[in-house]
């Protein structure tokens, strides 16, 4: 392994500003998608269980 390769592997991958911006946008899109999917599952569960589920005996 050359000195340049060793120095690069110690520093890790250095992203350009464009790559960092793209990564951030992708992470935000994934986060929004997961949140919407969770909200969808919650809504479907409420619809399937019906509105009376909160009034049941415990």
N, C-alpha and C. Protein backbone atom coordinates (compact mmCIF):
# COMPACT_ATOMS: atom_id res chain seq x y z
N UNK A 1 0.85 -1.16 0.00
CA UNK A 1 0.00 0.00 0.00
C UNK A 1 0.91 1.23 0.00
N UNK A 2 0.61 2.16 -0.89
CA UNK A 2 1.44 3.36 -0.98
C UNK A 2 1.10 4.33 0.15
N UNK A 3 1.93 5.33 0.32
CA UNK A 3 1.71 6.33 1.37
C UNK A 3 0.42 7.09 1.12
N UNK A 4 0.13 7.42 -0.14
CA UNK A 4 -1.10 8.14 -0.47
C UNK A 4 -2.33 7.32 -0.11
N UNK A 5 -2.30 6.03 -0.43
CA UNK A 5 -3.44 5.18 -0.11
C UNK A 5 -3.61 5.04 1.39
N UNK A 6 -2.52 4.94 2.13
CA UNK A 6 -2.58 4.81 3.58
C UNK A 6 -3.16 6.09 4.20
N UNK A 7 -2.72 7.26 3.73
CA UNK A 7 -3.23 8.52 4.24
C UNK A 7 -4.72 8.67 3.93
N UNK A 8 -5.11 8.26 2.73
CA UNK A 8 -6.52 8.36 2.36
C UNK A 8 -7.38 7.42 3.20
N UNK A 9 -6.89 6.21 3.48
CA UNK A 9 -7.69 5.27 4.25
C UNK A 9 -7.81 5.72 5.70
N UNK A 10 -6.80 6.41 6.25
CA UNK A 10 -6.89 6.90 7.62
C UNK A 10 -7.88 8.05 7.73
N UNK A 11 -7.95 8.92 6.70
CA UNK A 11 -8.85 10.06 6.72
C UNK A 11 -10.28 9.65 6.37
N UNK A 12 -10.44 8.54 5.74
CA UNK A 12 -11.76 8.11 5.30
C UNK A 12 -12.10 8.77 3.97
N UNK A 13 -13.34 8.69 3.60
CA UNK A 13 -13.80 9.25 2.34
C UNK A 13 -14.13 10.72 2.55
N UNK A 14 -13.58 11.56 1.70
CA UNK A 14 -13.86 12.98 1.77
C UNK A 14 -14.84 13.32 0.66
N UNK A 15 -16.01 13.82 1.04
CA UNK A 15 -17.05 14.13 0.06
C UNK A 15 -16.93 15.58 -0.39
N UNK A 16 -17.31 15.79 -1.62
CA UNK A 16 -17.38 17.15 -2.13
C UNK A 16 -18.64 17.81 -1.58
N UNK A 17 -18.71 19.14 -1.60
CA UNK A 17 -19.93 19.81 -1.13
C UNK A 17 -21.19 19.35 -1.87
N UNK A 18 -21.07 19.06 -3.15
CA UNK A 18 -22.23 18.59 -3.92
C UNK A 18 -22.68 17.22 -3.43
N UNK A 19 -21.72 16.36 -3.11
CA UNK A 19 -22.06 15.02 -2.61
C UNK A 19 -22.70 15.10 -1.22
N UNK A 20 -22.19 16.00 -0.37
CA UNK A 20 -22.77 16.17 0.95
C UNK A 20 -24.20 16.68 0.84
N UNK A 21 -24.45 17.62 -0.07
CA UNK A 21 -25.79 18.16 -0.27
C UNK A 21 -26.73 17.07 -0.78
N UNK A 22 -26.23 16.25 -1.70
CA UNK A 22 -27.03 15.16 -2.25
C UNK A 22 -27.35 14.13 -1.16
N UNK A 23 -26.37 13.81 -0.33
CA UNK A 23 -26.58 12.85 0.75
C UNK A 23 -27.62 13.37 1.74
N UNK A 24 -27.51 14.65 2.10
CA UNK A 24 -28.47 15.24 3.04
C UNK A 24 -29.88 15.22 2.47
N UNK A 25 -30.02 15.58 1.21
CA UNK A 25 -31.34 15.57 0.57
C UNK A 25 -31.92 14.15 0.53
N UNK A 26 -31.07 13.17 0.25
CA UNK A 26 -31.52 11.78 0.20
C UNK A 26 -31.94 11.31 1.60
N UNK A 27 -31.17 11.68 2.63
CA UNK A 27 -31.52 11.30 4.00
C UNK A 27 -32.83 11.93 4.44
N UNK A 28 -33.06 13.19 4.07
CA UNK A 28 -34.32 13.85 4.40
C UNK A 28 -35.48 13.16 3.70
N UNK A 29 -35.30 12.81 2.43
CA UNK A 29 -36.36 12.12 1.68
C UNK A 29 -36.67 10.76 2.31
N UNK A 30 -35.66 10.03 2.73
CA UNK A 30 -35.88 8.73 3.38
C UNK A 30 -36.61 8.92 4.70
N UNK A 31 -36.23 9.92 5.46
CA UNK A 31 -36.89 10.19 6.74
C UNK A 31 -38.35 10.53 6.57
N UNK A 32 -38.65 11.38 5.59
CA UNK A 32 -40.04 11.74 5.32
C UNK A 32 -40.84 10.53 4.87
N UNK A 33 -40.24 9.69 4.04
CA UNK A 33 -40.91 8.49 3.56
C UNK A 33 -41.23 7.54 4.72
N UNK A 34 -40.29 7.35 5.62
CA UNK A 34 -40.51 6.46 6.77
C UNK A 34 -41.61 7.03 7.66
N UNK A 35 -41.60 8.34 7.90
CA UNK A 35 -42.63 8.97 8.73
C UNK A 35 -44.01 8.83 8.10
N UNK A 36 -44.11 9.04 6.79
CA UNK A 36 -45.39 8.89 6.10
C UNK A 36 -45.87 7.44 6.13
N UNK A 37 -44.95 6.51 6.00
CA UNK A 37 -45.32 5.09 6.05
C UNK A 37 -45.85 4.73 7.44
N UNK A 38 -45.19 5.24 8.48
CA UNK A 38 -45.66 4.98 9.85
C UNK A 38 -47.05 5.59 10.06
N UNK A 39 -47.26 6.80 9.57
CA UNK A 39 -48.57 7.44 9.68
C UNK A 39 -49.64 6.65 8.92
N UNK A 40 -49.28 6.13 7.76
CA UNK A 40 -50.21 5.32 6.98
C UNK A 40 -50.58 4.05 7.73
N UNK A 41 -49.60 3.36 8.31
CA UNK A 41 -49.89 2.15 9.08
C UNK A 41 -50.79 2.47 10.27
N UNK A 42 -50.54 3.58 10.94
CA UNK A 42 -51.36 4.00 12.07
C UNK A 42 -52.80 4.24 11.63
N UNK A 43 -52.96 4.96 10.52
CA UNK A 43 -54.30 5.27 10.02
C UNK A 43 -55.04 4.00 9.61
N UNK A 44 -54.36 3.11 8.93
CA UNK A 44 -54.99 1.86 8.50
C UNK A 44 -55.39 1.03 9.71
N UNK A 45 -54.55 1.01 10.74
CA UNK A 45 -54.87 0.27 11.96
C UNK A 45 -56.11 0.85 12.63
N UNK A 46 -56.20 2.17 12.72
CA UNK A 46 -57.38 2.79 13.32
C UNK A 46 -58.64 2.48 12.53
N UNK A 47 -58.54 2.51 11.22
CA UNK A 47 -59.71 2.24 10.38
C UNK A 47 -60.13 0.78 10.54
N UNK A 48 -59.18 -0.15 10.57
CA UNK A 48 -59.52 -1.56 10.69
C UNK A 48 -60.09 -1.89 12.06
N UNK A 49 -59.58 -1.25 13.11
CA UNK A 49 -60.08 -1.53 14.46
C UNK A 49 -61.40 -0.82 14.72
N UNK A 50 -61.63 0.28 14.05
CA UNK A 50 -62.87 1.02 14.23
C UNK A 50 -62.74 2.06 15.32
N UNK A 51 -63.71 2.97 15.37
CA UNK A 51 -63.67 4.06 16.30
C UNK A 51 -63.99 3.64 17.73
N UNK A 52 -64.64 2.51 17.93
CA UNK A 52 -65.05 2.08 19.25
C UNK A 52 -63.92 1.44 20.06
N UNK A 53 -62.75 1.31 19.49
CA UNK A 53 -61.66 0.64 20.19
C UNK A 53 -61.26 1.39 21.45
N UNK A 54 -61.44 2.71 21.48
CA UNK A 54 -61.09 3.51 22.65
C UNK A 54 -62.12 3.36 23.76
N UNK A 55 -63.32 2.90 23.44
CA UNK A 55 -64.40 2.78 24.42
C UNK A 55 -64.53 1.37 25.01
N UNK A 56 -63.61 0.49 24.74
CA UNK A 56 -63.72 -0.88 25.23
C UNK A 56 -63.32 -0.95 26.71
N UNK A 57 -63.74 -2.04 27.37
CA UNK A 57 -63.37 -2.23 28.76
C UNK A 57 -61.92 -2.70 28.85
N UNK A 58 -61.28 -2.27 29.91
CA UNK A 58 -59.87 -2.66 30.09
C UNK A 58 -59.76 -3.71 31.16
